[in-house]
Amino acid sequence: YIRLGHGEEMAGARERPGLLCDIFESFIGALYLDQGRPAVEKFVQRVIFPKLDLGWFDHAVDAKTSLQDFLQRDGDIAIEYHLVEESGTENDPEFKVNVTANGDVIGEGKGSSKKHAEMQAAQQALDNMRNKNK
């Protein structure tokens, strides 16, 4: 239950992402204070990680951030983006980029800018890992 004042209710606070984030943070804090860190870790592993793996929160962050979160949730992993090829014209360039994790290529992308190519490479890597984990 979320108890809101009349004004907050009328202003649509119940649907405001910031409020929902604050409530979730409060829940995690209460769980920690009541049952300790092991209970929080168990909850996150059982409830949150599966939702991350299914892409529930991808709309909230870009593909590069999602990839970093996915790969580094269990510890540090070196993630690098490499320009493989640059082609096209000055007015219509095309960049080809790959993304590596600990030196292994895990995705490739193409785009009209390096940033777009990196995003596409990160998305391909995420898609590949999710398909592998199904």
C-alpha atoms as a PDB file:
ATOM      1  CA  TYR A   1       0.000   0.000   0.000  1.00  0.00           C
ATOM      2  CA  ILE A   2       1.083   3.537  -0.722  1.00  0.00           C
ATOM      3  CA  ARG A   3      -0.520   6.131   1.503  1.00  0.00           C
ATOM      4  CA  LEU A   4      -0.639   9.552  -0.126  1.00  0.00           C
ATOM      5  CA  GLY A   5      -2.175  12.852   0.821  1.00  0.00           C
ATOM      6  CA  HIS A   6      -5.182  14.071  -1.156  1.00  0.00           C
ATOM      7  CA  GLY A   7      -3.124  16.669  -3.066  1.00  0.00           C
ATOM      8  CA  GLU A   8      -0.451  14.152  -4.028  1.00  0.00           C
ATOM      9  CA  GLU A   9      -3.109  11.685  -5.123  1.00  0.00           C
ATOM     10  CA  MET A  10      -4.823  14.318  -7.285  1.00  0.00           C
ATOM     11  CA  ALA A  11      -1.467  15.339  -8.803  1.00  0.00           C
ATOM     12  CA  GLY A  12      -0.796  11.774  -9.953  1.00  0.00           C
ATOM     13  CA  ALA A  13       2.076  11.110  -7.545  1.00  0.00           C
ATOM     14  CA  ARG A  14       1.165   7.412  -7.464  1.00  0.00           C
ATOM     15  CA  GLU A  15       2.422   7.063 -11.051  1.00  0.00           C
ATOM     16  CA  ARG A  16       5.537   9.234 -10.647  1.00  0.00           C
ATOM     17  CA  PRO A  17       8.666   7.098 -11.189  1.00  0.00           C
ATOM     18  CA  GLY A  18      10.618   9.056  -8.573  1.00  0.00           C
ATOM     19  CA  LEU A  19       8.088   8.216  -5.874  1.00  0.00           C
ATOM     20  CA  LEU A  20       8.080   4.557  -6.829  1.00  0.00           C
ATOM     21  CA  CYS A  21      11.890   4.515  -6.704  1.00  0.00           C
ATOM     22  CA  ASP A  22      11.845   6.123  -3.249  1.00  0.00           C
ATOM     23  CA  ILE A  23       9.340   3.553  -1.995  1.00  0.00           C
ATOM     24  CA  PHE A  24      11.395   0.681  -3.379  1.00  0.00           C
ATOM     25  CA  GLU A  25      14.525   2.104  -1.752  1.00  0.00           C
ATOM     26  CA  SER A  26      12.622   2.363   1.547  1.00  0.00           C
ATOM     27  CA  PHE A  27      11.498  -1.262   1.223  1.00  0.00           C
ATOM     28  CA  ILE A  28      15.072  -2.446   0.663  1.00  0.00           C
ATOM     29  CA  GLY A  29      16.228  -0.369   3.653  1.00  0.00           C
ATOM     30  CA  ALA A  30      13.499  -1.794   5.874  1.00  0.00           C
ATOM     31  CA  LEU A  31      14.319  -5.341   4.756  1.00  0.00           C
ATOM     32  CA  TYR A  32      17.982  -4.703   5.565  1.00  0.00           C
ATOM     33  CA  LEU A  33      17.204  -3.280   9.011  1.00  0.00           C
ATOM     34  CA  ASP A  34      14.749  -6.065   9.824  1.00  0.00           C
ATOM     35  CA  GLN A  35      16.526  -9.117   8.403  1.00  0.00           C
ATOM     36  CA  GLY A  36      20.053  -8.045   7.447  1.00  0.00           C
ATOM     37  CA  ARG A  37      22.164  -8.030   4.315  1.00  0.00           C
ATOM     38  CA  PRO A  38      21.725 -11.744   3.443  1.00  0.00           C
ATOM     39  CA  ALA A  39      17.954 -11.229   3.148  1.00  0.00           C
ATOM     40  CA  VAL A  40      18.438  -8.244   0.837  1.00  0.00           C
ATOM     41  CA  GLU A  41      20.907 -10.168  -1.338  1.00  0.00           C
ATOM     42  CA  LYS A  42      18.528 -13.136  -1.524  1.00  0.00           C
ATOM     43  CA  PHE A  43      15.628 -10.849  -2.504  1.00  0.00           C
ATOM     44  CA  VAL A  44      17.652  -9.052  -5.181  1.00  0.00           C
ATOM     45  CA  GLN A  45      18.973 -12.301  -6.651  1.00  0.00           C
ATOM     46  CA  ARG A  46      15.556 -13.987  -6.622  1.00  0.00           C
ATOM     47  CA  VAL A  47      13.363 -11.052  -7.703  1.00  0.00           C
ATOM     48  CA  ILE A  48      15.409  -8.268  -9.328  1.00  0.00           C
ATOM     49  CA  PHE A  49      18.136 -10.062 -11.327  1.00  0.00           C
ATOM     50  CA  PRO A  50      15.663 -12.231 -13.289  1.00  0.00           C
ATOM     51  CA  LYS A  51      13.753  -9.099 -14.285  1.00  0.00           C
ATOM     52  CA  LEU A  52      16.987  -7.423 -15.377  1.00  0.00           C
ATOM     53  CA  ASP A  53      17.849 -10.493 -17.454  1.00  0.00           C
ATOM     54  CA  LEU A  54      14.460 -10.267 -19.164  1.00  0.00           C
ATOM     55  CA  GLY A  55      14.992  -6.595 -20.005  1.00  0.00           C
ATOM     56  CA  TRP A  56      12.274  -5.141 -17.774  1.00  0.00           C
ATOM     57  CA  PHE A  57      14.291  -2.012 -17.062  1.00  0.00           C
ATOM     58  CA  ASP A  58      16.002  -1.470 -20.414  1.00  0.00           C
ATOM     59  CA  HIS A  59      13.651   1.380 -21.300  1.00  0.00           C
ATOM     60  CA  ALA A  60      15.030   3.366 -18.391  1.00  0.00           C
ATOM     61  CA  VAL A  61      18.665   3.280 -19.479  1.00  0.00           C
ATOM     62  CA  ASP A  62      20.580   3.075 -22.722  1.00  0.00           C
ATOM     63  CA  ALA A  63      22.030  -0.155 -24.073  1.00  0.00           C
ATOM     64  CA  LYS A  64      25.613   0.640 -23.050  1.00  0.00           C
ATOM     65  CA  THR A  65      24.590   1.209 -19.440  1.00  0.00           C
ATOM     66  CA  SER A  66      22.411  -1.914 -19.460  1.00  0.00           C
ATOM     67  CA  LEU A  67      25.293  -3.973 -20.820  1.00  0.00           C
ATOM     68  CA  GLN A  68      27.660  -2.635 -18.185  1.00  0.00           C
ATOM     69  CA  ASP A  69      25.139  -3.381 -15.414  1.00  0.00           C
ATOM     70  CA  PHE A  70      24.492  -6.864 -16.784  1.00  0.00           C
ATOM     71  CA  LEU A  71      28.162  -7.789 -17.083  1.00  0.00           C
ATOM     72  CA  GLN A  72      29.442  -6.176 -13.904  1.00  0.00           C
ATOM     73  CA  ARG A  73      26.775  -7.253 -11.438  1.00  0.00           C
ATOM     74  CA  ASP A  74      29.031 -10.067 -10.183  1.00  0.00           C
ATOM     75  CA  GLY A  75      32.291  -8.113 -10.309  1.00  0.00           C
ATOM     76  CA  ASP A  76      34.581  -6.072 -12.517  1.00  0.00           C
ATOM     77  CA  ILE A  77      34.739  -6.939 -16.205  1.00  0.00           C
ATOM     78  CA  ALA A  78      36.712  -4.889 -18.724  1.00  0.00           C
ATOM     79  CA  ILE A  79      34.267  -3.591 -21.351  1.00  0.00           C
ATOM     80  CA  GLU A  80      35.751  -1.818 -24.364  1.00  0.00           C
ATOM     81  CA  TYR A  81      34.412  -0.451 -27.633  1.00  0.00           C
ATOM     82  CA  HIS A  82      36.682  -0.617 -30.689  1.00  0.00           C
ATOM     83  CA  LEU A  83      36.288   1.155 -34.010  1.00  0.00           C
ATOM     84  CA  VAL A  84      36.654  -1.609 -36.585  1.00  0.00           C
ATOM     85  CA  GLU A  85      35.890   0.287 -39.779  1.00  0.00           C
ATOM     86  CA  GLU A  86      34.996   3.760 -40.954  1.00  0.00           C
ATOM     87  CA  SER A  87      33.455   4.110 -44.393  1.00  0.00           C
ATOM     88  CA  GLY A  88      31.015   6.190 -46.374  1.00  0.00           C
ATOM     89  CA  THR A  89      31.328   9.852 -47.242  1.00  0.00           C
ATOM     90  CA  GLU A  90      31.758  12.949 -45.140  1.00  0.00           C
ATOM     91  CA  ASN A  91      28.023  13.625 -45.447  1.00  0.00           C
ATOM     92  CA  ASP A  92      26.997   9.991 -44.972  1.00  0.00           C
ATOM     93  CA  PRO A  93      29.567   8.230 -42.779  1.00  0.00           C
ATOM     94  CA  GLU A  94      29.232   4.708 -41.459  1.00  0.00           C
ATOM     95  CA  PHE A  95      31.087   3.396 -38.447  1.00  0.00           C
ATOM     96  CA  LYS A  96      31.497  -0.246 -37.500  1.00  0.00           C
ATOM     97  CA  VAL A  97      32.278  -0.938 -33.850  1.00  0.00           C
ATOM     98  CA  ASN A  98      32.649  -4.041 -31.747  1.00  0.00           C
ATOM     99  CA  VAL A  99      32.327  -4.386 -28.003  1.00  0.00           C
ATOM    100  CA  THR A 100      34.527  -6.703 -25.982  1.00  0.00           C
ATOM    101  CA  ALA A 101      34.243  -8.122 -22.479  1.00  0.00           C
ATOM    102  CA  ASN A 102      37.587  -9.164 -21.042  1.00  0.00           C
ATOM    103  CA  GLY A 103      38.974  -9.175 -24.588  1.00  0.00           C
ATOM    104  CA  ASP A 104      36.270 -11.353 -26.173  1.00  0.00           C
ATOM    105  CA  VAL A 105      34.061  -9.803 -28.875  1.00  0.00           C
ATOM    106  CA  ILE A 106      30.455 -10.013 -27.679  1.00  0.00           C
ATOM    107  CA  GLY A 107      28.675  -7.676 -30.113  1.00  0.00           C
ATOM    108  CA  GLU A 108      28.999  -5.583 -33.266  1.00  0.00           C
ATOM    109  CA  GLY A 109      27.173  -2.527 -34.448  1.00  0.00           C
ATOM    110  CA  LYS A 110      26.988  -0.077 -37.322  1.00  0.00           C
ATOM    111  CA  GLY A 111      25.818   3.496 -37.286  1.00  0.00           C
ATOM    112  CA  SER A 112      26.107   6.973 -38.707  1.00  0.00           C
ATOM    113  CA  SER A 113      28.166   7.971 -35.662  1.00  0.00           C
ATOM    114  CA  LYS A 114      30.514   6.135 -33.339  1.00  0.00           C
ATOM    115  CA  LYS A 115      28.001   6.579 -30.531  1.00  0.00           C
ATOM    116  CA  HIS A 116      25.169   4.998 -32.543  1.00  0.00           C
ATOM    117  CA  ALA A 117      27.427   2.110 -33.571  1.00  0.00           C
ATOM    118  CA  GLU A 118      28.454   1.549 -29.930  1.00  0.00           C
ATOM    119  CA  MET A 119      24.801   1.534 -28.830  1.00  0.00           C
ATOM    120  CA  GLN A 120      23.947  -1.000 -31.502  1.00  0.00           C
ATOM    121  CA  ALA A 121      26.924  -3.180 -30.524  1.00  0.00           C
ATOM    122  CA  ALA A 122      25.864  -3.066 -26.873  1.00  0.00           C
ATOM    123  CA  GLN A 123      22.275  -3.966 -27.776  1.00  0.00           C
ATOM    124  CA  GLN A 124      23.436  -6.899 -29.895  1.00  0.00           C
ATOM    125  CA  ALA A 125      25.616  -8.131 -27.017  1.00  0.00           C
ATOM    126  CA  LEU A 126      22.660  -7.892 -24.610  1.00  0.00           C
ATOM    127  CA  ASP A 127      20.371  -9.719 -27.037  1.00  0.00           C
ATOM    128  CA  ASN A 128      22.964 -12.469 -27.548  1.00  0.00           C
ATOM    129  CA  MET A 129      23.424 -12.984 -23.801  1.00  0.00           C
ATOM    130  CA  ARG A 130      19.683 -13.014 -23.103  1.00  0.00           C
ATOM    131  CA  ASN A 131      19.087 -15.573 -25.852  1.00  0.00           C
ATOM    132  CA  LYS A 132      21.897 -17.710 -24.466  1.00  0.00           C
ATOM    133  CA  ASN A 133      20.378 -17.601 -20.959  1.00  0.00           C
ATOM    134  CA  LYS A 134      16.869 -18.681 -22.046  1.00  0.00           C
END
